[in-house]
PDB file of N, CA and C in Angstrom:
ATOM      1  N   MET A   1      41.781  30.922  35.199  1.00  0.00           N
ATOM      2  CA  MET A   1      42.213  29.873  36.038  1.00  0.00           C
ATOM      3  C   MET A   1      41.288  29.473  37.064  1.00  0.00           C
ATOM      4  N   GLN A   2      40.663  30.525  37.711  1.00  0.00           N
ATOM      5  CA  GLN A   2      39.759  30.404  38.854  1.00  0.00           C
ATOM      6  C   GLN A   2      38.562  29.461  38.437  1.00  0.00           C
ATOM      7  N   ASN A   3      37.951  29.819  37.343  1.00  0.00           N
ATOM      8  CA  ASN A   3      36.939  28.864  36.965  1.00  0.00           C
ATOM      9  C   ASN A   3      37.305  27.438  36.583  1.00  0.00           C
ATOM     10  N   PHE A   4      38.562  27.299  35.989  1.00  0.00           N
ATOM     11  CA  PHE A   4      38.934  25.809  35.774  1.00  0.00           C
ATOM     12  C   PHE A   4      39.118  25.189  37.113  1.00  0.00           C
ATOM     13  N   GLY A   5      39.766  25.866  38.147  1.00  0.00           N
ATOM     14  CA  GLY A   5      39.775  25.353  39.500  1.00  0.00           C
ATOM     15  C   GLY A   5      38.442  25.096  40.214  1.00  0.00           C
ATOM     16  N   GLU A   6      37.686  25.836  40.029  1.00  0.00           N
ATOM     17  CA  GLU A   6      36.244  25.796  40.666  1.00  0.00           C
ATOM     18  C   GLU A   6      35.431  24.433  39.904  1.00  0.00           C
ATOM     19  N   MET A   7      35.752  24.451  38.666  1.00  0.00           N
ATOM     20  CA  MET A   7      35.100  23.123  37.958  1.00  0.00           C
ATOM     21  C   MET A   7      35.751  21.910  38.649  1.00  0.00           C
ATOM     22  N   THR A   8      37.088  21.971  38.717  1.00  0.00           N
ATOM     23  CA  THR A   8      37.705  20.716  39.344  1.00  0.00           C
ATOM     24  C   THR A   8      37.202  20.426  40.610  1.00  0.00           C
ATOM     25  N   GLU A   9      37.134  21.593  41.598  1.00  0.00           N
ATOM     26  CA  GLU A   9      36.682  21.352  42.844  1.00  0.00           C
ATOM     27  C   GLU A   9      35.237  20.771  43.054  1.00  0.00           C
ATOM     28  N   LEU A  10      34.361  21.261  41.964  1.00  0.00           N
ATOM     29  CA  LEU A  10      33.174  20.740  41.788  1.00  0.00           C
ATOM     30  C   LEU A  10      32.947  19.226  41.746  1.00  0.00           C
ATOM     31  N   ILE A  11      33.766  18.863  40.893  1.00  0.00           N
ATOM     32  CA  ILE A  11      33.860  17.233  40.394  1.00  0.00           C
ATOM     33  C   ILE A  11      34.557  16.753  41.619  1.00  0.00           C
ATOM     34  N   ALA A  12      35.487  17.032  42.288  1.00  0.00           N
ATOM     35  CA  ALA A  12      36.075  16.376  43.414  1.00  0.00           C
ATOM     36  C   ALA A  12      35.111  16.212  44.588  1.00  0.00           C
ATOM     37  N   LEU A  13      34.244  17.191  44.772  1.00  0.00           N
ATOM     38  CA  LEU A  13      33.488  17.215  45.932  1.00  0.00           C
ATOM     39  C   LEU A  13      32.150  16.647  45.625  1.00  0.00           C
ATOM     40  N   THR A  14      31.702  16.602  44.482  1.00  0.00           N
ATOM     41  CA  THR A  14      30.534  15.895  44.208  1.00  0.00           C
ATOM     42  C   THR A  14      30.535  14.503  43.619  1.00  0.00           C
ATOM     43  N   THR A  15      31.586  14.011  43.059  1.00  0.00           N
ATOM     44  CA  THR A  15      31.777  12.750  42.725  1.00  0.00           C
ATOM     45  C   THR A  15      32.369  11.795  43.667  1.00  0.00           C
ATOM     46  N   MET A  16      31.768  10.807  43.996  1.00  0.00           N
ATOM     47  CA  MET A  16      32.158  10.054  45.146  1.00  0.00           C
ATOM     48  C   MET A  16      32.871   8.670  44.686  1.00  0.00           C
ATOM     49  N   SER A  17      33.111   8.551  43.247  1.00  0.00           N
ATOM     50  CA  SER A  17      33.747   7.422  42.877  1.00  0.00           C
ATOM     51  C   SER A  17      35.101   7.974  42.448  1.00  0.00           C
ATOM     52  N   LEU A  18      36.298   7.520  42.768  1.00  0.00           N
ATOM     53  CA  LEU A  18      37.598   7.904  42.397  1.00  0.00           C
ATOM     54  C   LEU A  18      37.668   7.566  40.875  1.00  0.00           C
ATOM     55  N   GLU A  19      37.225   6.609  40.354  1.00  0.00           N
ATOM     56  CA  GLU A  19      37.221   6.333  38.916  1.00  0.00           C
ATOM     57  C   GLU A  19      36.401   7.248  37.941  1.00  0.00           C
ATOM     58  N   THR A  20      35.254   7.508  38.458  1.00  0.00           N
ATOM     59  CA  THR A  20      34.449   8.549  37.838  1.00  0.00           C
ATOM     60  C   THR A  20      35.085   9.888  37.738  1.00  0.00           C
ATOM     61  N   ALA A  21      35.716  10.185  38.990  1.00  0.00           N
ATOM     62  CA  ALA A  21      36.299  11.681  38.845  1.00  0.00           C
ATOM     63  C   ALA A  21      37.466  11.648  38.045  1.00  0.00           C
ATOM     64  N   MET A  22      38.289  10.483  38.090  1.00  0.00           N
ATOM     65  CA  MET A  22      39.539  10.647  37.122  1.00  0.00           C
ATOM     66  C   MET A  22      39.145  10.482  35.871  1.00  0.00           C
ATOM     67  N   ASP A  23      38.046   9.901  35.443  1.00  0.00           N
ATOM     68  CA  ASP A  23      37.561   9.766  34.081  1.00  0.00           C
ATOM     69  C   ASP A  23      37.092  11.288  33.585  1.00  0.00           C
ATOM     70  N   LEU A  24      36.371  11.882  34.436  1.00  0.00           N
ATOM     71  CA  LEU A  24      35.941  13.183  34.153  1.00  0.00           C
ATOM     72  C   LEU A  24      37.134  14.107  34.001  1.00  0.00           C
ATOM     73  N   LEU A  25      38.127  14.279  35.069  1.00  0.00           N
ATOM     74  CA  LEU A  25      39.211  15.097  35.011  1.00  0.00           C
ATOM     75  C   LEU A  25      40.233  14.793  33.844  1.00  0.00           C
ATOM     76  N   PHE A  26      40.712  13.608  33.664  1.00  0.00           N
ATOM     77  CA  PHE A  26      41.658  13.277  32.768  1.00  0.00           C
ATOM     78  C   PHE A  26      41.333  12.847  31.219  1.00  0.00           C
ATOM     79  N   GLU A  27      40.053  12.419  30.935  1.00  0.00           N
ATOM     80  CA  GLU A  27      39.484  12.215  29.930  1.00  0.00           C
ATOM     81  C   GLU A  27      38.745  13.295  29.003  1.00  0.00           C
ATOM     82  N   ILE A  28      38.219  14.108  29.924  1.00  0.00           N
ATOM     83  CA  ILE A  28      37.285  15.311  29.443  1.00  0.00           C
ATOM     84  C   ILE A  28      37.828  16.709  29.632  1.00  0.00           C
ATOM     85  N   ILE A  29      38.325  16.856  30.973  1.00  0.00           N
ATOM     86  CA  ILE A  29      38.802  18.331  31.163  1.00  0.00           C
ATOM     87  C   ILE A  29      40.294  18.451  30.701  1.00  0.00           C
ATOM     88  N   GLU A  30      41.259  17.555  31.145  1.00  0.00           N
ATOM     89  CA  GLU A  30      42.655  17.627  30.875  1.00  0.00           C
ATOM     90  C   GLU A  30      42.970  17.894  29.493  1.00  0.00           C
ATOM     91  N   PRO A  31      42.233  17.232  28.535  1.00  0.00           N
ATOM     92  CA  PRO A  31      42.498  17.388  26.998  1.00  0.00           C
ATOM     93  C   PRO A  31      42.203  18.757  26.549  1.00  0.00           C
ATOM     94  N   GLU A  32      41.278  19.449  27.173  1.00  0.00           N
ATOM     95  CA  GLU A  32      40.804  20.722  26.966  1.00  0.00           C
ATOM     96  C   GLU A  32      41.457  22.055  27.602  1.00  0.00           C
ATOM     97  N   SER A  33      42.391  21.818  28.460  1.00  0.00           N
ATOM     98  CA  SER A  33      43.000  22.559  29.416  1.00  0.00           C
ATOM     99  C   SER A  33      43.902  23.650  28.687  1.00  0.00           C
ATOM    100  N   SER A  34      44.565  23.316  27.615  1.00  0.00           N
ATOM    101  CA  SER A  34      45.228  24.292  26.791  1.00  0.00           C
ATOM    102  C   SER A  34      44.284  25.228  26.119  1.00  0.00           C
ATOM    103  N   CYS A  35      43.249  24.764  25.730  1.00  0.00           N
ATOM    104  CA  CYS A  35      42.104  25.677  25.194  1.00  0.00           C
ATOM    105  C   CYS A  35      41.479  26.713  26.290  1.00  0.00           C
ATOM    106  N   LEU A  36      41.203  26.040  27.441  1.00  0.00           N
ATOM    107  CA  LEU A  36      40.566  26.825  28.540  1.00  0.00           C
ATOM    108  C   LEU A  36      41.465  27.818  29.331  1.00  0.00           C
ATOM    109  N   LEU A  37      42.757  27.318  29.227  1.00  0.00           N
ATOM    110  CA  LEU A  37      43.725  28.425  30.042  1.00  0.00           C
ATOM    111  C   LEU A  37      44.625  29.067  29.083  1.00  0.00           C
ATOM    112  N   VAL A  38      44.789  30.189  29.095  1.00  0.00           N
ATOM    113  CA  VAL A  38      45.606  31.052  28.332  1.00  0.00           C
ATOM    114  C   VAL A  38      46.935  31.271  29.235  1.00  0.00           C
ATOM    115  N   ARG A  39      47.817  30.454  29.143  1.00  0.00           N
ATOM    116  CA  ARG A  39      49.271  30.430  29.664  1.00  0.00           C
ATOM    117  C   ARG A  39      50.208  29.585  28.861  1.00  0.00           C
ATOM    118  N   PRO A  40      51.624  29.724  29.132  1.00  0.00           N
ATOM    119  CA  PRO A  40      52.442  28.831  28.393  1.00  0.00           C
ATOM    120  C   PRO A  40      52.189  27.289  28.631  1.00  0.00           C
ATOM    121  N   PRO A  41      52.460  26.317  27.697  1.00  0.00           N
ATOM    122  CA  PRO A  41      51.969  24.993  27.952  1.00  0.00           C
ATOM    123  C   PRO A  41      52.731  24.326  29.186  1.00  0.00           C
ATOM    124  N   PRO A  42      54.210  24.867  29.568  1.00  0.00           N
ATOM    125  CA  PRO A  42      54.543  24.190  30.958  1.00  0.00           C
ATOM    126  C   PRO A  42      53.915  24.642  32.207  1.00  0.00           C
ATOM    127  N   VAL A  43      53.409  25.663  32.137  1.00  0.00           N
ATOM    128  CA  VAL A  43      52.694  26.646  33.284  1.00  0.00           C
ATOM    129  C   VAL A  43      51.268  25.761  33.404  1.00  0.00           C
ATOM    130  N   ILE A  44      50.706  25.539  32.242  1.00  0.00           N
ATOM    131  CA  ILE A  44      49.366  24.828  32.333  1.00  0.00           C
ATOM    132  C   ILE A  44      49.472  23.321  32.753  1.00  0.00           C
ATOM    133  N   LYS A  45      50.604  22.613  32.232  1.00  0.00           N
ATOM    134  CA  LYS A  45      50.646  21.408  32.591  1.00  0.00           C
ATOM    135  C   LYS A  45      50.918  21.311  34.151  1.00  0.00           C
ATOM    136  N   GLN A  46      51.796  22.065  34.769  1.00  0.00           N
ATOM    137  CA  GLN A  46      52.158  22.095  36.182  1.00  0.00           C
ATOM    138  C   GLN A  46      50.792  22.371  37.147  1.00  0.00           C
ATOM    139  N   PHE A  47      49.999  23.472  36.606  1.00  0.00           N
ATOM    140  CA  PHE A  47      48.883  23.880  37.285  1.00  0.00           C
ATOM    141  C   PHE A  47      47.847  22.703  37.187  1.00  0.00           C
ATOM    142  N   VAL A  48      47.626  22.195  36.111  1.00  0.00           N
ATOM    143  CA  VAL A  48      46.558  20.970  35.907  1.00  0.00           C
ATOM    144  C   VAL A  48      47.146  19.759  36.757  1.00  0.00           C
ATOM    145  N   ASN A  49      48.324  19.450  36.768  1.00  0.00           N
ATOM    146  CA  ASN A  49      48.878  18.101  37.563  1.00  0.00           C
ATOM    147  C   ASN A  49      48.688  18.563  38.905  1.00  0.00           C
ATOM    148  N   SER A  50      48.995  19.601  39.570  1.00  0.00           N
ATOM    149  CA  SER A  50      48.867  20.192  40.859  1.00  0.00           C
ATOM    150  C   SER A  50      47.394  20.040  41.347  1.00  0.00           C
ATOM    151  N   LEU A  51      46.653  20.532  40.397  1.00  0.00           N
ATOM    152  CA  LEU A  51      45.211  20.897  40.739  1.00  0.00           C
ATOM    153  C   LEU A  51      44.484  19.385  40.862  1.00  0.00           C
ATOM    154  N   PHE A  52      44.781  18.432  39.968  1.00  0.00           N
ATOM    155  CA  PHE A  52      44.142  17.121  39.800  1.00  0.00           C
ATOM    156  C   PHE A  52      44.600  16.440  40.908  1.00  0.00           C
ATOM    157  N   GLY A  53      45.906  16.656  41.404  1.00  0.00           N
ATOM    158  CA  GLY A  53      46.523  15.818  42.791  1.00  0.00           C
ATOM    159  C   GLY A  53      45.622  16.191  43.782  1.00  0.00           C
ATOM    160  N   ILE A  54      45.265  17.502  44.052  1.00  0.00           N
ATOM    161  CA  ILE A  54      44.723  17.928  45.204  1.00  0.00           C
ATOM    162  C   ILE A  54      43.139  17.334  45.056  1.00  0.00           C
ATOM    163  N   ALA A  55      42.516  17.305  43.927  1.00  0.00           N
ATOM    164  CA  ALA A  55      41.197  16.729  43.516  1.00  0.00           C
ATOM    165  C   ALA A  55      41.216  15.393  43.917  1.00  0.00           C
ATOM    166  N   ARG A  56      42.327  14.712  43.510  1.00  0.00           N
ATOM    167  CA  ARG A  56      42.337  13.097  44.015  1.00  0.00           C
ATOM    168  C   ARG A  56      42.160  12.928  45.434  1.00  0.00           C
ATOM    169  N   GLY A  57      43.045  13.861  46.080  1.00  0.00           N
ATOM    170  CA  GLY A  57      43.065  13.773  47.523  1.00  0.00           C
ATOM    171  C   GLY A  57      41.895  13.831  48.145  1.00  0.00           C
ATOM    172  N   HIS A  58      40.942  14.933  47.564  1.00  0.00           N
ATOM    173  CA  HIS A  58      39.711  15.074  48.061  1.00  0.00           C
ATOM    174  C   HIS A  58      38.560  13.922  47.904  1.00  0.00           C
ATOM    175  N   VAL A  59      38.742  13.310  46.704  1.00  0.00           N
ATOM    176  CA  VAL A  59      37.867  12.313  46.185  1.00  0.00           C
ATOM    177  C   VAL A  59      38.272  10.934  47.029  1.00  0.00           C
ATOM    178  N   ASP A  60      39.616  10.688  47.358  1.00  0.00           N
ATOM    179  CA  ASP A  60      39.914   9.667  48.214  1.00  0.00           C
ATOM    180  C   ASP A  60      39.551   9.617  49.481  1.00  0.00           C
ATOM    181  N   GLU A  61      39.411  10.960  50.218  1.00  0.00           N
ATOM    182  CA  GLU A  61      38.877  11.032  51.451  1.00  0.00           C
ATOM    183  C   GLU A  61      37.338  10.836  51.542  1.00  0.00           C
ATOM    184  N   ALA A  62      36.514  10.971  50.466  1.00  0.00           N
ATOM    185  CA  ALA A  62      35.048  10.995  50.248  1.00  0.00           C
ATOM    186  C   ALA A  62      34.486   9.824  50.825  1.00  0.00           C
ATOM    187  N   PRO A  63      35.031   8.570  50.486  1.00  0.00           N
ATOM    188  CA  PRO A  63      34.416   7.388  51.019  1.00  0.00           C
ATOM    189  C   PRO A  63      34.186   7.317  52.669  1.00  0.00           C
ATOM    190  N   ASN A  64      35.065   7.989  53.160  1.00  0.00           N
ATOM    191  CA  ASN A  64      34.940   8.110  54.675  1.00  0.00           C
ATOM    192  C   ASN A  64      33.547   9.073  55.158  1.00  0.00           C
ATOM    193  N   CYS A  65      33.234   9.855  54.229  1.00  0.00           N
ATOM    194  CA  CYS A  65      31.912  10.839  54.609  1.00  0.00           C
ATOM    195  C   CYS A  65      30.850  10.457  53.821  1.00  0.00           C
ATOM    196  N   HIS A  66      31.036   9.650  52.799  1.00  0.00           N
ATOM    197  CA  HIS A  66      29.653   9.341  51.954  1.00  0.00           C
ATOM    198  C   HIS A  66      29.275   8.070  51.873  1.00  0.00           C
ATOM    199  N   LYS A  67      28.085   7.549  51.503  1.00  0.00           N
ATOM    200  CA  LYS A  67      27.855   6.341  50.993  1.00  0.00           C
ATOM    201  C   LYS A  67      28.065   6.117  49.529  1.00  0.00           C
ATOM    202  N   PRO A  68      28.941   5.268  49.024  1.00  0.00           N
ATOM    203  CA  PRO A  68      29.257   5.403  47.689  1.00  0.00           C
ATOM    204  C   PRO A  68      28.400   4.849  46.698  1.00  0.00           C
ATOM    205  N   GLU A  69      27.253   4.462  47.106  1.00  0.00           N
ATOM    206  CA  GLU A  69      26.182   3.925  46.048  1.00  0.00           C
ATOM    207  C   GLU A  69      25.366   4.972  45.470  1.00  0.00           C
ATOM    208  N   LYS A  70      25.420   6.245  46.238  1.00  0.00           N
ATOM    209  CA  LYS A  70      24.650   7.263  45.554  1.00  0.00           C
ATOM    210  C   LYS A  70      25.538   8.503  45.324  1.00  0.00           C
ATOM    211  N   GLU A  71      25.284   9.063  44.169  1.00  0.00           N
ATOM    212  CA  GLU A  71      26.194  10.245  43.726  1.00  0.00           C
ATOM    213  C   GLU A  71      25.231  11.209  43.392  1.00  0.00           C
ATOM    214  N   PRO A  72      25.637  12.415  43.696  1.00  0.00           N
ATOM    215  CA  PRO A  72      24.701  13.674  43.303  1.00  0.00           C
ATOM    216  C   PRO A  72      25.007  14.119  41.851  1.00  0.00           C
ATOM    217  N   LEU A  73      26.225  13.633  41.418  1.00  0.00           N
ATOM    218  CA  LEU A  73      26.535  14.115  39.908  1.00  0.00           C
ATOM    219  C   LEU A  73      26.650  13.074  39.103  1.00  0.00           C
ATOM    220  N   ARG A  74      26.028  12.638  38.049  1.00  0.00           N
ATOM    221  CA  ARG A  74      25.990  11.549  37.231  1.00  0.00           C
ATOM    222  C   ARG A  74      26.128  11.939  35.763  1.00  0.00           C
ATOM    223  N   PRO A  75      27.175  12.084  35.356  1.00  0.00           N
ATOM    224  CA  PRO A  75      27.580  12.574  34.054  1.00  0.00           C
ATOM    225  C   PRO A  75      27.628  11.344  32.884  1.00  0.00           C
ATOM    226  N   ALA A  76      27.216  11.565  31.768  1.00  0.00           N
ATOM    227  CA  ALA A  76      27.076  10.790  30.792  1.00  0.00           C
ATOM    228  C   ALA A  76      27.194  11.637  29.422  1.00  0.00           C
ATOM    229  N   ILE A  77      27.988  10.671  28.503  1.00  0.00           N
ATOM    230  CA  ILE A  77      28.085  11.141  27.289  1.00  0.00           C
ATOM    231  C   ILE A  77      26.739  11.421  26.453  1.00  0.00           C
ATOM    232  N   TYR A  78      26.453  12.564  26.161  1.00  0.00           N
ATOM    233  CA  TYR A  78      25.075  12.930  25.441  1.00  0.00           C
ATOM    234  C   TYR A  78      25.179  12.861  24.013  1.00  0.00           C
ATOM    235  N   ASP A  79      26.259  13.495  23.413  1.00  0.00           N
ATOM    236  CA  ASP A  79      26.326  13.641  22.105  1.00  0.00           C
ATOM    237  C   ASP A  79      27.852  13.975  21.607  1.00  0.00           C
ATOM    238  N   TYR A  80      27.991  13.838  20.248  1.00  0.00           N
ATOM    239  CA  TYR A  80      29.395  14.213  19.720  1.00  0.00           C
ATOM    240  C   TYR A  80      29.048  15.502  18.856  1.00  0.00           C
ATOM    241  N   GLU A  81      29.830  16.580  18.941  1.00  0.00           N
ATOM    242  CA  GLU A  81      29.880  17.701  18.017  1.00  0.00           C
ATOM    243  C   GLU A  81      31.208  18.291  17.860  1.00  0.00           C
ATOM    244  N   ASP A  82      31.363  18.469  16.538  1.00  0.00           N
ATOM    245  CA  ASP A  82      32.668  19.029  16.076  1.00  0.00           C
ATOM    246  C   ASP A  82      33.846  18.272  16.561  1.00  0.00           C
ATOM    247  N   GLY A  83      33.628  16.961  16.730  1.00  0.00           N
ATOM    248  CA  GLY A  83      34.672  16.045  17.240  1.00  0.00           C
ATOM    249  C   GLY A  83      34.921  16.052  18.668  1.00  0.00           C
ATOM    250  N   TYR A  84      33.968  16.737  19.460  1.00  0.00           N
ATOM    251  CA  TYR A  84      34.179  16.647  20.982  1.00  0.00           C
ATOM    252  C   TYR A  84      33.012  15.799  21.353  1.00  0.00           C
ATOM    253  N   SER A  85      33.169  15.465  22.658  1.00  0.00           N
ATOM    254  CA  SER A  85      32.178  14.670  23.344  1.00  0.00           C
ATOM    255  C   SER A  85      31.415  15.783  24.166  1.00  0.00           C
ATOM    256  N   VAL A  86      29.984  15.760  24.079  1.00  0.00           N
ATOM    257  CA  VAL A  86      29.253  16.571  24.933  1.00  0.00           C
ATOM    258  C   VAL A  86      28.716  15.918  26.013  1.00  0.00           C
ATOM    259  N   VAL A  87      28.984  16.211  27.199  1.00  0.00           N
ATOM    260  CA  VAL A  87      28.630  15.606  28.416  1.00  0.00           C
ATOM    261  C   VAL A  87      27.238  16.173  29.094  1.00  0.00           C
ATOM    262  N   LYS A  88      26.545  15.547  29.491  1.00  0.00           N
ATOM    263  CA  LYS A  88      25.106  16.042  29.947  1.00  0.00           C
ATOM    264  C   LYS A  88      25.096  15.390  31.422  1.00  0.00           C
ATOM    265  N   THR A  89      24.852  16.309  32.481  1.00  0.00           N
ATOM    266  CA  THR A  89      24.766  15.720  33.950  1.00  0.00           C
ATOM    267  C   THR A  89      23.614  16.620  34.619  1.00  0.00           C
ATOM    268  N   SER A  90      23.331  16.017  35.671  1.00  0.00           N
ATOM    269  CA  SER A  90      22.457  16.690  36.757  1.00  0.00           C
ATOM    270  C   SER A  90      23.074  16.610  37.912  1.00  0.00           C
ATOM    271  N   LEU A  91      22.895  17.592  38.706  1.00  0.00           N
ATOM    272  CA  LEU A  91      23.438  17.943  39.985  1.00  0.00           C
ATOM    273  C   LEU A  91      22.340  17.911  41.053  1.00  0.00           C
ATOM    274  N   ARG A  92      22.423  17.017  41.934  1.00  0.00           N
ATOM    275  CA  ARG A  92      21.227  17.005  42.987  1.00  0.00           C
ATOM    276  C   ARG A  92      21.646  17.820  43.948  1.00  0.00           C
ATOM    277  N   LEU A  93      20.775  18.914  44.170  1.00  0.00           N
ATOM    278  CA  LEU A  93      21.273  19.958  45.382  1.00  0.00           C
ATOM    279  C   LEU A  93      20.625  19.506  46.559  1.00  0.00           C
ATOM    280  N   ASP A  94      19.688  18.752  46.580  1.00  0.00           N
ATOM    281  CA  ASP A  94      18.801  18.186  47.764  1.00  0.00           C
ATOM    282  C   ASP A  94      19.674  16.980  48.453  1.00  0.00           C
ATOM    283  N   PHE A  95      20.696  16.554  47.806  1.00  0.00           N
ATOM    284  CA  PHE A  95      21.520  15.530  48.257  1.00  0.00           C
ATOM    285  C   PHE A  95      22.311  15.723  49.553  1.00  0.00           C
ATOM    286  N   GLY A  96      21.935  14.983  50.700  1.00  0.00           N
ATOM    287  CA  GLY A  96      22.666  15.046  52.218  1.00  0.00           C
ATOM    288  C   GLY A  96      23.822  14.132  52.061  1.00  0.00           C
ATOM    289  N   TRP A  97      24.878  14.556  52.846  1.00  0.00           N
ATOM    290  CA  TRP A  97      26.092  13.684  52.698  1.00  0.00           C
ATOM    291  C   TRP A  97      25.797  12.202  53.281  1.00  0.00           C
ATOM    292  N   GLU A  98      24.805  11.913  53.910  1.00  0.00           N
ATOM    293  CA  GLU A  98      24.598  10.491  54.461  1.00  0.00           C
ATOM    294  C   GLU A  98      23.446   9.942  53.607  1.00  0.00           C
ATOM    295  N   GLY A  99      23.048  10.551  52.366  1.00  0.00           N
ATOM    296  CA  GLY A  99      22.075  10.123  51.693  1.00  0.00           C
ATOM    297  C   GLY A  99      20.736  10.554  51.984  1.00  0.00           C
ATOM    298  N   GLU A 100      20.460  11.233  52.978  1.00  0.00           N
ATOM    299  CA  GLU A 100      19.171  11.711  53.312  1.00  0.00           C
ATOM    300  C   GLU A 100      18.930  13.025  52.570  1.00  0.00           C
ATOM    301  N   ARG A 101      17.482  13.384  52.406  1.00  0.00           N
ATOM    302  CA  ARG A 101      17.252  14.586  51.845  1.00  0.00           C
ATOM    303  C   ARG A 101      17.409  15.922  52.785  1.00  0.00           C
ATOM    304  N   ASP A 102      17.899  16.803  52.284  1.00  0.00           N
ATOM    305  CA  ASP A 102      18.419  18.068  53.075  1.00  0.00           C
ATOM    306  C   ASP A 102      17.335  19.140  52.720  1.00  0.00           C
ATOM    307  N   TYR A 103      16.349  19.343  53.604  1.00  0.00           N
ATOM    308  CA  TYR A 103      15.625  20.563  53.380  1.00  0.00           C
ATOM    309  C   TYR A 103      15.811  21.667  54.078  1.00  0.00           C
ATOM    310  N   GLY A 104      17.015  21.894  54.543  1.00  0.00           N
ATOM    311  CA  GLY A 104      17.412  23.155  55.029  1.00  0.00           C
ATOM    312  C   GLY A 104      16.920  23.473  56.397  1.00  0.00           C
ATOM    313  N   GLY A 105      16.271  22.492  57.052  1.00  0.00           N
ATOM    314  CA  GLY A 105      15.526  22.704  58.480  1.00  0.00           C
ATOM    315  C   GLY A 105      16.247  22.272  59.472  1.00  0.00           C
TER     316      GLY A 105
END
């Protein structure tokens, strides 16, 4: 459950578009939640709904802190394998919150 939560947090904190975040959460991650989490279905549903609600709140707050035209996380459907979509993305670690490069200095 912790890894699932961390993955959701990563999406919420790195995706500046609410639409992109909700697409990732509800179209890619949520359908696989019963495979990723080993708990009774009602527990999984409540956990996922609560977690995604918190994530949505973080993404909603993001426009106040970020420039929306730049996203450090740009996911794209890469391939289809065994009936599942394979998503490929790059995460920019040098991305500053105001769009400037952050060299740690």
